[in-house]
Amino acid sequence: MKEEIKAYNNVLELIGNTPLIKLNKITQKMKGNYFAKVEAFNPGHSTKDRIALYIIEEAEKKGILKPGDTIIETTSGNTGFSIAMVSIIKGYDCILAVSSKSSADKIDMLKTMGAKVYVCPAHVSADDPRSYYEIAKKIHSEIKGSVYINQYFNELNIDAHYQSTGPEIWEQTAGKITHLIACSGTGGTISGTARFLKEQNPNIRVIGIDAYGSVLQKYHQTKEFDANEIYPYRIEGLGKNLIPTATDFNIIDKFEKVTDESSAHTARELAKTEGLFVGYTSGAAMQGIKQLEEEGEFDENSNIVVIFPDHGSRYMSKIYNDEWMSQQGFFDSETAEIQQIEYIK
């Protein structure tokens, strides 16, 4: 009997089942056991592959998406890349409205994946006609046969992680997880994952990581939207200046805020201690863990799982660029990098 060629039919079959990796050096002085769900192992290098494939295939099943249609989305970069990748395989056109806060690397990647990209000013209100939310809506209204994914207000964003990320983590930890730590932007990742995990064990603590300049933590505490909380910050894909319905605030136990600067340095530290080259939000998630540990959140028996959403290659012009770090004032005498490059003439 001849052996068959072992190959995947396309890149979409590689989505999900990402590894859980123990964190050792960066956590060695901390109480508890720490594990990273490294979503950069998805073919599109981020957790957003999961929602892009799930939402698009659900739209196909319902007859909302038809051959030759156009998919439109607002994105800080990762969801856009994933949607563009799925669109290529499935034969859809792709138009993306992107925040100007997104790194140049991300924007170039979207263009490379065949998407038409509109770069919109980041520091305007969500209802400003120039915001990436409003631009996407406008394009959707103008193009017949288009579908607006609308990840911030799409319940399927949550369901995608309920169906995949949550069960994977439960199985990988043999049900021994005590804490889930995840950044909250649209809220789909943390909400869907937490919803599944809390159904298995309601005692699991779920902690969202938020940014200073975002409204999420205050809304979680008070159920009131406070526009005074909003001011510009640099981390992409974390925090919000609106309240996404794709966030289930009732299932999140608390939020921890982190700064742009500490998150950038912690991302760099992960590369140098764990060999994990991850993105800005991963640095933010790990920084949140450091702060939570200092606050006494964990003990020796805690099994903490943190979701690292994407790959560091998308931030080469930002947190992994010394010039950018200096321009932000993130380097001082204590944190300045040692020059490791020598040019031989």
C-alpha atoms as a PDB file:
ATOM      1  CA  MET A   1       0.000   0.000   0.000  1.00  0.00           C
ATOM      2  CA  LYS A   2       1.416   3.369  -1.042  1.00  0.00           C
ATOM      3  CA  GLU A   3       1.863   6.010   1.616  1.00  0.00           C
ATOM      4  CA  GLU A   4       0.018   9.250   0.947  1.00  0.00           C
ATOM      5  CA  ILE A   5       1.747  12.632   0.892  1.00  0.00           C
ATOM      6  CA  LYS A   6       1.342  14.282   4.279  1.00  0.00           C
ATOM      7  CA  ALA A   7       0.487  17.894   3.488  1.00  0.00           C
ATOM      8  CA  TYR A   8      -2.043  20.512   4.519  1.00  0.00           C
ATOM      9  CA  ASN A   9      -4.466  21.661   1.844  1.00  0.00           C
ATOM     10  CA  ASN A  10      -3.822  25.319   2.677  1.00  0.00           C
ATOM     11  CA  VAL A  11      -2.586  27.554   5.497  1.00  0.00           C
ATOM     12  CA  LEU A  12      -6.038  27.796   7.089  1.00  0.00           C
ATOM     13  CA  GLU A  13      -5.747  24.210   8.326  1.00  0.00           C
ATOM     14  CA  LEU A  14      -2.879  25.343  10.573  1.00  0.00           C
ATOM     15  CA  ILE A  15      -5.040  27.715  12.604  1.00  0.00           C
ATOM     16  CA  GLY A  16      -5.413  26.845  16.298  1.00  0.00           C
ATOM     17  CA  ASN A  17      -3.833  24.211  18.543  1.00  0.00           C
ATOM     18  CA  THR A  18      -1.035  26.605  19.470  1.00  0.00           C
ATOM     19  CA  PRO A  19       1.476  25.430  22.090  1.00  0.00           C
ATOM     20  CA  LEU A  20       1.514  26.155  25.810  1.00  0.00           C
ATOM     21  CA  ILE A  21       5.083  27.028  26.817  1.00  0.00           C
ATOM     22  CA  LYS A  22       6.387  27.211  30.392  1.00  0.00           C
ATOM     23  CA  LEU A  23       7.995  30.501  31.373  1.00  0.00           C
ATOM     24  CA  ASN A  24      11.119  29.903  33.410  1.00  0.00           C
ATOM     25  CA  LYS A  25      13.691  32.696  33.700  1.00  0.00           C
ATOM     26  CA  ILE A  26      11.464  35.785  33.650  1.00  0.00           C
ATOM     27  CA  THR A  27       9.360  34.289  36.459  1.00  0.00           C
ATOM     28  CA  GLN A  28      12.079  32.666  38.566  1.00  0.00           C
ATOM     29  CA  LYS A  29      11.624  35.013  41.551  1.00  0.00           C
ATOM     30  CA  MET A  30       7.827  34.883  41.386  1.00  0.00           C
ATOM     31  CA  LYS A  31       5.327  32.659  43.199  1.00  0.00           C
ATOM     32  CA  GLY A  32       3.403  30.209  41.043  1.00  0.00           C
ATOM     33  CA  ASN A  33       3.816  28.342  37.751  1.00  0.00           C
ATOM     34  CA  TYR A  34       3.562  30.367  34.559  1.00  0.00           C
ATOM     35  CA  PHE A  35       2.612  29.198  31.079  1.00  0.00           C
ATOM     36  CA  ALA A  36       2.275  31.171  27.847  1.00  0.00           C
ATOM     37  CA  LYS A  37      -0.283  30.345  25.154  1.00  0.00           C
ATOM     38  CA  VAL A  38       1.844  31.499  22.208  1.00  0.00           C
ATOM     39  CA  GLU A  39      -0.524  32.541  19.427  1.00  0.00           C
ATOM     40  CA  ALA A  40       2.314  33.516  17.067  1.00  0.00           C
ATOM     41  CA  PHE A  41       2.343  29.826  16.074  1.00  0.00           C
ATOM     42  CA  ASN A  42      -0.824  30.434  14.040  1.00  0.00           C
ATOM     43  CA  PRO A  43      -0.047  30.776  10.298  1.00  0.00           C
ATOM     44  CA  GLY A  44      -0.947  34.482  10.382  1.00  0.00           C
ATOM     45  CA  HIS A  45       1.220  34.867  13.495  1.00  0.00           C
ATOM     46  CA  SER A  46      -1.605  36.022  15.777  1.00  0.00           C
ATOM     47  CA  THR A  47      -4.646  34.944  17.743  1.00  0.00           C
ATOM     48  CA  LYS A  48      -6.823  36.857  15.263  1.00  0.00           C
ATOM     49  CA  ASP A  49      -6.540  33.968  12.777  1.00  0.00           C
ATOM     50  CA  ARG A  50      -9.092  32.188  14.933  1.00  0.00           C
ATOM     51  CA  ILE A  51     -11.802  34.849  14.687  1.00  0.00           C
ATOM     52  CA  ALA A  52     -11.128  35.658  11.022  1.00  0.00           C
ATOM     53  CA  LEU A  53     -11.688  32.059   9.905  1.00  0.00           C
ATOM     54  CA  TYR A  54     -14.579  31.426  12.310  1.00  0.00           C
ATOM     55  CA  ILE A  55     -16.556  34.595  11.504  1.00  0.00           C
ATOM     56  CA  ILE A  56     -16.038  34.263   7.748  1.00  0.00           C
ATOM     57  CA  GLU A  57     -17.069  30.602   7.697  1.00  0.00           C
ATOM     58  CA  GLU A  58     -20.151  31.361   9.817  1.00  0.00           C
ATOM     59  CA  ALA A  59     -21.097  34.103   7.331  1.00  0.00           C
ATOM     60  CA  GLU A  60     -20.679  31.603   4.483  1.00  0.00           C
ATOM     61  CA  LYS A  61     -22.914  29.044   6.227  1.00  0.00           C
ATOM     62  CA  LYS A  62     -25.646  31.671   6.682  1.00  0.00           C
ATOM     63  CA  GLY A  63     -25.412  32.805   3.065  1.00  0.00           C
ATOM     64  CA  ILE A  64     -24.272  36.301   4.079  1.00  0.00           C
ATOM     65  CA  LEU A  65     -20.964  35.926   2.192  1.00  0.00           C
ATOM     66  CA  LYS A  66     -21.071  34.894  -1.439  1.00  0.00           C
ATOM     67  CA  PRO A  67     -18.318  34.344  -4.054  1.00  0.00           C
ATOM     68  CA  GLY A  68     -16.878  37.651  -5.258  1.00  0.00           C
ATOM     69  CA  ASP A  69     -18.030  39.612  -2.181  1.00  0.00           C
ATOM     70  CA  THR A  70     -15.865  42.143  -0.341  1.00  0.00           C
ATOM     71  CA  ILE A  71     -14.922  41.799   3.324  1.00  0.00           C
ATOM     72  CA  ILE A  72     -14.464  45.043   5.271  1.00  0.00           C
ATOM     73  CA  GLU A  73     -13.013  45.453   8.742  1.00  0.00           C
ATOM     74  CA  THR A  74     -11.571  47.891  11.273  1.00  0.00           C
ATOM     75  CA  THR A  75      -8.272  46.671  12.682  1.00  0.00           C
ATOM     76  CA  SER A  76      -5.103  47.627  14.527  1.00  0.00           C
ATOM     77  CA  GLY A  77      -3.378  45.257  12.120  1.00  0.00           C
ATOM     78  CA  ASN A  78      -3.589  41.657  13.267  1.00  0.00           C
ATOM     79  CA  THR A  79      -7.254  40.994  12.494  1.00  0.00           C
ATOM     80  CA  GLY A  80      -6.737  42.667   9.137  1.00  0.00           C
ATOM     81  CA  PHE A  81      -3.817  40.405   8.282  1.00  0.00           C
ATOM     82  CA  SER A  82      -5.819  37.322   9.257  1.00  0.00           C
ATOM     83  CA  ILE A  83      -8.866  38.424   7.250  1.00  0.00           C
ATOM     84  CA  ALA A  84      -6.664  39.200   4.244  1.00  0.00           C
ATOM     85  CA  MET A  85      -5.069  35.740   4.509  1.00  0.00           C
ATOM     86  CA  VAL A  86      -8.456  33.986   4.715  1.00  0.00           C
ATOM     87  CA  SER A  87      -9.787  36.159   1.866  1.00  0.00           C
ATOM     88  CA  ILE A  88      -6.923  35.087  -0.406  1.00  0.00           C
ATOM     89  CA  ILE A  89      -7.645  31.396   0.134  1.00  0.00           C
ATOM     90  CA  LYS A  90     -11.424  31.789  -0.161  1.00  0.00           C
ATOM     91  CA  GLY A  91     -11.443  34.297  -3.039  1.00  0.00           C
ATOM     92  CA  TYR A  92     -12.839  37.482  -1.457  1.00  0.00           C
ATOM     93  CA  ASP A  93     -11.735  41.093  -1.870  1.00  0.00           C
ATOM     94  CA  CYS A  94     -10.537  42.713   1.353  1.00  0.00           C
ATOM     95  CA  ILE A  95     -10.706  46.351   2.468  1.00  0.00           C
ATOM     96  CA  LEU A  96      -9.280  47.404   5.828  1.00  0.00           C
ATOM     97  CA  ALA A  97      -9.566  50.609   7.865  1.00  0.00           C
ATOM     98  CA  VAL A  98      -6.480  50.814  10.064  1.00  0.00           C
ATOM     99  CA  SER A  99      -5.524  53.071  12.957  1.00  0.00           C
ATOM    100  CA  SER A 100      -2.515  55.311  12.298  1.00  0.00           C
ATOM    101  CA  LYS A 101      -1.162  53.957  15.596  1.00  0.00           C
ATOM    102  CA  SER A 102      -0.533  50.631  13.858  1.00  0.00           C
ATOM    103  CA  SER A 103       3.127  49.998  13.112  1.00  0.00           C
ATOM    104  CA  ALA A 104       4.445  50.590   9.614  1.00  0.00           C
ATOM    105  CA  ASP A 105       5.351  46.895   9.572  1.00  0.00           C
ATOM    106  CA  LYS A 106       1.712  45.887  10.039  1.00  0.00           C
ATOM    107  CA  ILE A 107       0.464  48.291   7.363  1.00  0.00           C
ATOM    108  CA  ASP A 108       3.055  47.017   4.866  1.00  0.00           C
ATOM    109  CA  MET A 109       2.045  43.437   5.652  1.00  0.00           C
ATOM    110  CA  LEU A 110      -1.631  44.184   4.964  1.00  0.00           C
ATOM    111  CA  LYS A 111      -0.756  45.712   1.604  1.00  0.00           C
ATOM    112  CA  THR A 112       1.450  42.727   0.787  1.00  0.00           C
ATOM    113  CA  MET A 113      -1.494  40.405   1.498  1.00  0.00           C
ATOM    114  CA  GLY A 114      -3.518  42.126  -1.229  1.00  0.00           C
ATOM    115  CA  ALA A 115      -5.773  44.248   0.990  1.00  0.00           C
ATOM    116  CA  LYS A 116      -6.795  47.817   0.169  1.00  0.00           C
ATOM    117  CA  VAL A 117      -5.836  49.816   3.253  1.00  0.00           C
ATOM    118  CA  TYR A 118      -7.233  53.095   4.621  1.00  0.00           C
ATOM    119  CA  VAL A 119      -5.027  54.566   7.363  1.00  0.00           C
ATOM    120  CA  CYS A 120      -7.169  56.658   9.739  1.00  0.00           C
ATOM    121  CA  PRO A 121      -6.099  59.046  12.545  1.00  0.00           C
ATOM    122  CA  ALA A 122      -5.804  57.202  15.859  1.00  0.00           C
ATOM    123  CA  HIS A 123      -6.475  59.985  18.314  1.00  0.00           C
ATOM    124  CA  VAL A 124     -10.012  60.980  17.306  1.00  0.00           C
ATOM    125  CA  SER A 125     -13.246  59.943  18.987  1.00  0.00           C
ATOM    126  CA  ALA A 126     -14.925  56.719  17.872  1.00  0.00           C
ATOM    127  CA  ASP A 127     -17.813  58.663  16.296  1.00  0.00           C
ATOM    128  CA  ASP A 128     -15.556  61.079  14.388  1.00  0.00           C
ATOM    129  CA  PRO A 129     -16.147  60.608  10.621  1.00  0.00           C
ATOM    130  CA  ARG A 130     -12.370  60.116  10.209  1.00  0.00           C
ATOM    131  CA  SER A 131     -12.159  57.284  12.784  1.00  0.00           C
ATOM    132  CA  TYR A 132     -11.481  53.827  11.459  1.00  0.00           C
ATOM    133  CA  TYR A 133     -14.856  52.662  12.759  1.00  0.00           C
ATOM    134  CA  GLU A 134     -16.747  55.303  10.757  1.00  0.00           C
ATOM    135  CA  ILE A 135     -14.597  54.909   7.623  1.00  0.00           C
ATOM    136  CA  ALA A 136     -15.295  51.156   7.577  1.00  0.00           C
ATOM    137  CA  LYS A 137     -19.040  51.766   7.960  1.00  0.00           C
ATOM    138  CA  LYS A 138     -18.979  54.322   5.140  1.00  0.00           C
ATOM    139  CA  ILE A 139     -17.142  51.978   2.757  1.00  0.00           C
ATOM    140  CA  HIS A 140     -19.547  49.154   3.654  1.00  0.00           C
ATOM    141  CA  SER A 141     -22.545  51.373   2.816  1.00  0.00           C
ATOM    142  CA  GLU A 142     -21.016  52.279  -0.556  1.00  0.00           C
ATOM    143  CA  ILE A 143     -20.003  48.796  -1.765  1.00  0.00           C
ATOM    144  CA  LYS A 144     -22.763  46.429  -2.798  1.00  0.00           C
ATOM    145  CA  GLY A 145     -22.042  42.836  -1.849  1.00  0.00           C
ATOM    146  CA  SER A 146     -19.792  43.755   1.071  1.00  0.00           C
ATOM    147  CA  VAL A 147     -19.721  42.311   4.586  1.00  0.00           C
ATOM    148  CA  TYR A 148     -18.492  44.313   7.588  1.00  0.00           C
ATOM    149  CA  ILE A 149     -16.949  41.944  10.159  1.00  0.00           C
ATOM    150  CA  ASN A 150     -17.228  44.540  12.972  1.00  0.00           C
ATOM    151  CA  GLN A 151     -15.168  42.554  15.482  1.00  0.00           C
ATOM    152  CA  TYR A 152     -15.797  45.006  18.351  1.00  0.00           C
ATOM    153  CA  PHE A 153     -19.532  44.331  18.320  1.00  0.00           C
ATOM    154  CA  ASN A 154     -19.683  40.789  16.947  1.00  0.00           C
ATOM    155  CA  GLU A 155     -20.693  38.017  19.341  1.00  0.00           C
ATOM    156  CA  LEU A 156     -18.938  35.527  17.038  1.00  0.00           C
ATOM    157  CA  ASN A 157     -15.645  37.107  18.169  1.00  0.00           C
ATOM    158  CA  ILE A 158     -16.336  35.628  21.608  1.00  0.00           C
ATOM    159  CA  ASP A 159     -17.673  32.349  20.252  1.00  0.00           C
ATOM    160  CA  ALA A 160     -14.532  31.701  18.188  1.00  0.00           C
ATOM    161  CA  HIS A 161     -12.444  31.560  21.374  1.00  0.00           C
ATOM    162  CA  TYR A 162     -15.131  29.693  23.318  1.00  0.00           C
ATOM    163  CA  GLN A 163     -14.926  26.981  20.667  1.00  0.00           C
ATOM    164  CA  SER A 164     -11.127  26.832  20.374  1.00  0.00           C
ATOM    165  CA  THR A 165      -8.815  28.733  22.742  1.00  0.00           C
ATOM    166  CA  GLY A 166     -10.703  27.852  25.921  1.00  0.00           C
ATOM    167  CA  PRO A 167     -10.909  24.095  25.291  1.00  0.00           C
ATOM    168  CA  GLU A 168      -7.249  24.002  24.192  1.00  0.00           C
ATOM    169  CA  ILE A 169      -6.052  25.657  27.414  1.00  0.00           C
ATOM    170  CA  TRP A 170      -8.266  23.413  29.576  1.00  0.00           C
ATOM    171  CA  GLU A 171      -6.862  20.308  27.907  1.00  0.00           C
ATOM    172  CA  GLN A 172      -3.259  21.522  27.899  1.00  0.00           C
ATOM    173  CA  THR A 173      -3.343  22.296  31.625  1.00  0.00           C
ATOM    174  CA  ALA A 174      -5.264  19.094  32.462  1.00  0.00           C
ATOM    175  CA  GLY A 175      -7.815  21.360  34.116  1.00  0.00           C
ATOM    176  CA  LYS A 176      -5.249  22.673  36.619  1.00  0.00           C
ATOM    177  CA  ILE A 177      -5.336  26.310  35.484  1.00  0.00           C
ATOM    178  CA  THR A 178      -6.081  28.749  38.340  1.00  0.00           C
ATOM    179  CA  HIS A 179      -5.622  32.104  36.551  1.00  0.00           C
ATOM    180  CA  LEU A 180      -6.162  33.341  33.005  1.00  0.00           C
ATOM    181  CA  ILE A 181      -4.365  36.563  32.069  1.00  0.00           C
ATOM    182  CA  ALA A 182      -5.121  38.193  28.729  1.00  0.00           C
ATOM    183  CA  CYS A 183      -5.056  41.633  27.159  1.00  0.00           C
ATOM    184  CA  SER A 184      -8.442  43.149  26.429  1.00  0.00           C
ATOM    185  CA  GLY A 185      -9.043  45.115  23.229  1.00  0.00           C
ATOM    186  CA  THR A 186     -12.164  43.961  21.426  1.00  0.00           C
ATOM    187  CA  GLY A 187     -12.493  41.572  24.366  1.00  0.00           C
ATOM    188  CA  GLY A 188     -13.252  38.529  22.250  1.00  0.00           C
ATOM    189  CA  THR A 189     -10.165  36.554  23.252  1.00  0.00           C
ATOM    190  CA  ILE A 190     -10.482  37.001  27.006  1.00  0.00           C
ATOM    191  CA  SER A 191     -14.293  36.706  27.035  1.00  0.00           C
ATOM    192  CA  GLY A 192     -14.630  33.566  24.924  1.00  0.00           C
ATOM    193  CA  THR A 193     -11.701  31.787  26.557  1.00  0.00           C
ATOM    194  CA  ALA A 194     -12.892  32.717  30.048  1.00  0.00           C
ATOM    195  CA  ARG A 195     -16.484  31.725  29.338  1.00  0.00           C
ATOM    196  CA  PHE A 196     -15.410  28.175  28.490  1.00  0.00           C
ATOM    197  CA  LEU A 197     -12.922  27.884  31.354  1.00  0.00           C
ATOM    198  CA  LYS A 198     -15.347  29.185  33.992  1.00  0.00           C
ATOM    199  CA  GLU A 199     -17.941  26.653  32.851  1.00  0.00           C
ATOM    200  CA  GLN A 200     -15.397  23.968  33.744  1.00  0.00           C
ATOM    201  CA  ASN A 201     -14.280  25.643  36.982  1.00  0.00           C
ATOM    202  CA  PRO A 202     -15.947  28.878  38.179  1.00  0.00           C
ATOM    203  CA  ASN A 203     -13.086  29.476  40.645  1.00  0.00           C
ATOM    204  CA  ILE A 204     -10.612  30.279  37.861  1.00  0.00           C
ATOM    205  CA  ARG A 205      -9.556  33.928  38.184  1.00  0.00           C
ATOM    206  CA  VAL A 206      -9.790  35.928  34.941  1.00  0.00           C
ATOM    207  CA  ILE A 207      -7.784  39.142  34.760  1.00  0.00           C
ATOM    208  CA  GLY A 208      -7.789  41.530  31.825  1.00  0.00           C
ATOM    209  CA  ILE A 209      -4.846  43.747  30.986  1.00  0.00           C
ATOM    210  CA  ASP A 210      -5.756  47.318  30.078  1.00  0.00           C
ATOM    211  CA  ALA A 211      -3.788  50.413  29.041  1.00  0.00           C
ATOM    212  CA  TYR A 212      -3.590  53.803  30.693  1.00  0.00           C
ATOM    213  CA  GLY A 213      -5.665  56.005  28.391  1.00  0.00           C
ATOM    214  CA  SER A 214      -8.346  53.329  27.942  1.00  0.00           C
ATOM    215  CA  VAL A 215     -11.862  53.247  29.424  1.00  0.00           C
ATOM    216  CA  LEU A 216     -12.158  49.494  30.080  1.00  0.00           C
ATOM    217  CA  GLN A 217     -10.994  49.200  33.701  1.00  0.00           C
ATOM    218  CA  LYS A 218     -13.142  52.118  34.885  1.00  0.00           C
ATOM    219  CA  TYR A 219     -16.176  50.754  33.027  1.00  0.00           C
ATOM    220  CA  HIS A 220     -15.645  47.328  34.608  1.00  0.00           C
ATOM    221  CA  GLN A 221     -15.567  48.896  38.065  1.00  0.00           C
ATOM    222  CA  THR A 222     -18.429  51.398  37.700  1.00  0.00           C
ATOM    223  CA  LYS A 223     -20.437  50.319  34.607  1.00  0.00           C
ATOM    224  CA  GLU A 224     -20.073  53.941  33.475  1.00  0.00           C
ATOM    225  CA  PHE A 225     -18.294  55.195  30.356  1.00  0.00           C
ATOM    226  CA  ASP A 226     -15.910  57.966  31.415  1.00  0.00           C
ATOM    227  CA  ALA A 227     -14.507  59.968  28.499  1.00  0.00           C
ATOM    228  CA  ASN A 228     -12.082  61.648  30.917  1.00  0.00           C
ATOM    229  CA  GLU A 229     -10.163  58.371  31.057  1.00  0.00           C
ATOM    230  CA  ILE A 230      -9.267  58.672  27.374  1.00  0.00           C
ATOM    231  CA  TYR A 231      -5.883  59.968  26.251  1.00  0.00           C
ATOM    232  CA  PRO A 232      -3.334  58.837  23.629  1.00  0.00           C
ATOM    233  CA  TYR A 233      -1.222  55.761  24.298  1.00  0.00           C
ATOM    234  CA  ARG A 234       1.116  53.690  22.142  1.00  0.00           C
ATOM    235  CA  ILE A 235       0.247  50.009  22.705  1.00  0.00           C
ATOM    236  CA  GLU A 236      -1.680  48.554  19.762  1.00  0.00           C
ATOM    237  CA  GLY A 237      -4.573  46.133  20.124  1.00  0.00           C
ATOM    238  CA  LEU A 238      -5.044  46.798  23.823  1.00  0.00           C
ATOM    239  CA  GLY A 239      -7.616  48.959  25.581  1.00  0.00           C
ATOM    240  CA  LYS A 240     -10.364  51.007  23.945  1.00  0.00           C
ATOM    241  CA  ASN A 241     -11.937  54.471  23.726  1.00  0.00           C
ATOM    242  CA  LEU A 242     -15.382  52.853  23.476  1.00  0.00           C
ATOM    243  CA  ILE A 243     -17.150  49.905  25.100  1.00  0.00           C
ATOM    244  CA  PRO A 244     -17.080  46.828  22.806  1.00  0.00           C
ATOM    245  CA  THR A 245     -20.059  44.495  23.145  1.00  0.00           C
ATOM    246  CA  ALA A 246     -17.612  41.683  22.318  1.00  0.00           C
ATOM    247  CA  THR A 247     -16.349  42.085  25.898  1.00  0.00           C
ATOM    248  CA  ASP A 248     -18.226  40.105  28.559  1.00  0.00           C
ATOM    249  CA  PHE A 249     -17.364  42.258  31.575  1.00  0.00           C
ATOM    250  CA  ASN A 250     -19.298  39.972  33.919  1.00  0.00           C
ATOM    251  CA  ILE A 251     -16.901  37.090  33.355  1.00  0.00           C
ATOM    252  CA  ILE A 252     -13.739  39.144  33.996  1.00  0.00           C
ATOM    253  CA  ASP A 253     -12.768  39.375  37.675  1.00  0.00           C
ATOM    254  CA  LYS A 254     -10.555  42.448  37.458  1.00  0.00           C
ATOM    255  CA  PHE A 255      -8.483  44.633  35.159  1.00  0.00           C
ATOM    256  CA  GLU A 256      -4.846  45.607  35.603  1.00  0.00           C
ATOM    257  CA  LYS A 257      -3.465  48.670  33.839  1.00  0.00           C
ATOM    258  CA  VAL A 258       0.056  48.811  32.394  1.00  0.00           C
ATOM    259  CA  THR A 259       2.140  51.597  30.895  1.00  0.00           C
ATOM    260  CA  ASP A 260       3.476  51.870  27.349  1.00  0.00           C
ATOM    261  CA  GLU A 261       7.060  52.019  28.568  1.00  0.00           C
ATOM    262  CA  SER A 262       7.043  49.069  30.984  1.00  0.00           C
ATOM    263  CA  SER A 263       5.232  46.907  28.416  1.00  0.00           C
ATOM    264  CA  ALA A 264       7.819  47.666  25.735  1.00  0.00           C
ATOM    265  CA  HIS A 265      10.718  46.767  28.024  1.00  0.00           C
ATOM    266  CA  THR A 266       9.020  43.572  29.212  1.00  0.00           C
ATOM    267  CA  ALA A 267       8.479  42.447  25.607  1.00  0.00           C
ATOM    268  CA  ARG A 268      12.226  42.887  25.042  1.00  0.00           C
ATOM    269  CA  GLU A 269      12.932  41.023  28.278  1.00  0.00           C
ATOM    270  CA  LEU A 270      10.847  38.047  27.090  1.00  0.00           C
ATOM    271  CA  ALA A 271      13.035  37.771  24.011  1.00  0.00           C
ATOM    272  CA  LYS A 272      16.230  37.831  26.051  1.00  0.00           C
ATOM    273  CA  THR A 273      15.105  35.491  28.841  1.00  0.00           C
ATOM    274  CA  GLU A 274      12.697  33.033  27.230  1.00  0.00           C
ATOM    275  CA  GLY A 275      13.711  33.255  23.568  1.00  0.00           C
ATOM    276  CA  LEU A 276      10.138  34.285  22.777  1.00  0.00           C
ATOM    277  CA  PHE A 277      10.012  37.047  20.154  1.00  0.00           C
ATOM    278  CA  VAL A 278       6.533  38.391  20.809  1.00  0.00           C
ATOM    279  CA  GLY A 279       4.569  41.572  20.234  1.00  0.00           C
ATOM    280  CA  TYR A 280       3.785  44.705  22.233  1.00  0.00           C
ATOM    281  CA  THR A 281       0.593  43.311  23.789  1.00  0.00           C
ATOM    282  CA  SER A 282       2.465  40.205  24.921  1.00  0.00           C
ATOM    283  CA  GLY A 283       4.869  42.488  26.752  1.00  0.00           C
ATOM    284  CA  ALA A 284       1.851  44.232  28.274  1.00  0.00           C
ATOM    285  CA  ALA A 285       0.353  40.914  29.427  1.00  0.00           C
ATOM    286  CA  MET A 286       3.636  39.841  31.016  1.00  0.00           C
ATOM    287  CA  GLN A 287       4.049  43.246  32.653  1.00  0.00           C
ATOM    288  CA  GLY A 288       0.557  42.859  34.103  1.00  0.00           C
ATOM    289  CA  ILE A 289       1.597  39.514  35.570  1.00  0.00           C
ATOM    290  CA  LYS A 290       4.635  41.110  37.234  1.00  0.00           C
ATOM    291  CA  GLN A 291       2.432  43.745  38.845  1.00  0.00           C
ATOM    292  CA  LEU A 292      -0.204  41.210  39.916  1.00  0.00           C
ATOM    293  CA  GLU A 293       2.435  38.998  41.505  1.00  0.00           C
ATOM    294  CA  GLU A 294       3.754  41.973  43.500  1.00  0.00           C
ATOM    295  CA  GLU A 295       0.171  42.675  44.618  1.00  0.00           C
ATOM    296  CA  GLY A 296      -0.085  39.130  46.030  1.00  0.00           C
ATOM    297  CA  GLU A 297      -2.494  37.743  43.407  1.00  0.00           C
ATOM    298  CA  PHE A 298      -0.661  34.382  43.130  1.00  0.00           C
ATOM    299  CA  ASP A 299       0.660  31.774  45.530  1.00  0.00           C
ATOM    300  CA  GLU A 300       2.963  28.765  45.164  1.00  0.00           C
ATOM    301  CA  ASN A 301       0.106  26.574  43.906  1.00  0.00           C
ATOM    302  CA  SER A 302      -1.128  28.981  41.237  1.00  0.00           C
ATOM    303  CA  ASN A 303      -1.053  27.815  37.622  1.00  0.00           C
ATOM    304  CA  ILE A 304      -1.163  30.984  35.566  1.00  0.00           C
ATOM    305  CA  VAL A 305      -1.826  30.936  31.814  1.00  0.00           C
ATOM    306  CA  VAL A 306      -1.114  34.102  29.872  1.00  0.00           C
ATOM    307  CA  ILE A 307      -2.108  34.596  26.238  1.00  0.00           C
ATOM    308  CA  PHE A 308       0.633  36.100  24.062  1.00  0.00           C
ATOM    309  CA  PRO A 309      -1.370  37.394  21.074  1.00  0.00           C
ATOM    310  CA  ASP A 310       1.165  37.926  18.282  1.00  0.00           C
ATOM    311  CA  HIS A 311       4.724  37.888  16.930  1.00  0.00           C
ATOM    312  CA  GLY A 312       7.467  40.444  17.456  1.00  0.00           C
ATOM    313  CA  SER A 313       8.179  40.842  13.735  1.00  0.00           C
ATOM    314  CA  ARG A 314       5.196  43.231  13.545  1.00  0.00           C
ATOM    315  CA  TYR A 315       6.925  45.731  15.821  1.00  0.00           C
ATOM    316  CA  MET A 316      10.364  46.084  14.259  1.00  0.00           C
ATOM    317  CA  SER A 317       9.753  49.799  13.627  1.00  0.00           C
ATOM    318  CA  LYS A 318       8.498  50.263  17.181  1.00  0.00           C
ATOM    319  CA  ILE A 319       9.481  48.481  20.390  1.00  0.00           C
ATOM    320  CA  TYR A 320      12.362  46.573  18.786  1.00  0.00           C
ATOM    321  CA  ASN A 321      13.766  49.737  17.205  1.00  0.00           C
ATOM    322  CA  ASP A 322      16.178  51.595  19.491  1.00  0.00           C
ATOM    323  CA  GLU A 323      15.571  54.907  17.742  1.00  0.00           C
ATOM    324  CA  TRP A 324      11.802  54.658  18.248  1.00  0.00           C
ATOM    325  CA  MET A 325      12.303  53.690  21.905  1.00  0.00           C
ATOM    326  CA  SER A 326      14.559  56.722  22.400  1.00  0.00           C
ATOM    327  CA  GLN A 327      12.076  59.025  20.673  1.00  0.00           C
ATOM    328  CA  GLN A 328       9.373  57.900  23.114  1.00  0.00           C
ATOM    329  CA  GLY A 329      11.670  58.577  26.054  1.00  0.00           C
ATOM    330  CA  PHE A 330      11.725  54.871  26.925  1.00  0.00           C
ATOM    331  CA  PHE A 331      15.517  54.705  27.270  1.00  0.00           C
ATOM    332  CA  ASP A 332      17.298  56.322  30.182  1.00  0.00           C
ATOM    333  CA  SER A 333      20.648  55.642  31.836  1.00  0.00           C
ATOM    334  CA  GLU A 334      19.263  52.533  33.536  1.00  0.00           C
ATOM    335  CA  THR A 335      17.406  50.993  30.610  1.00  0.00           C
ATOM    336  CA  ALA A 336      19.560  52.008  27.625  1.00  0.00           C
ATOM    337  CA  GLU A 337      20.493  49.053  25.448  1.00  0.00           C
ATOM    338  CA  ILE A 338      24.126  48.044  25.073  1.00  0.00           C
ATOM    339  CA  GLN A 339      25.210  48.409  21.449  1.00  0.00           C
ATOM    340  CA  GLN A 340      25.556  44.829  20.170  1.00  0.00           C
ATOM    341  CA  ILE A 341      26.366  45.555  16.542  1.00  0.00           C
ATOM    342  CA  GLU A 342      29.863  46.244  15.283  1.00  0.00           C
ATOM    343  CA  TYR A 343      30.563  47.110  11.667  1.00  0.00           C
ATOM    344  CA  ILE A 344      33.877  45.825  10.309  1.00  0.00           C
ATOM    345  CA  LYS A 345      35.346  48.095   7.637  1.00  0.00           C
END
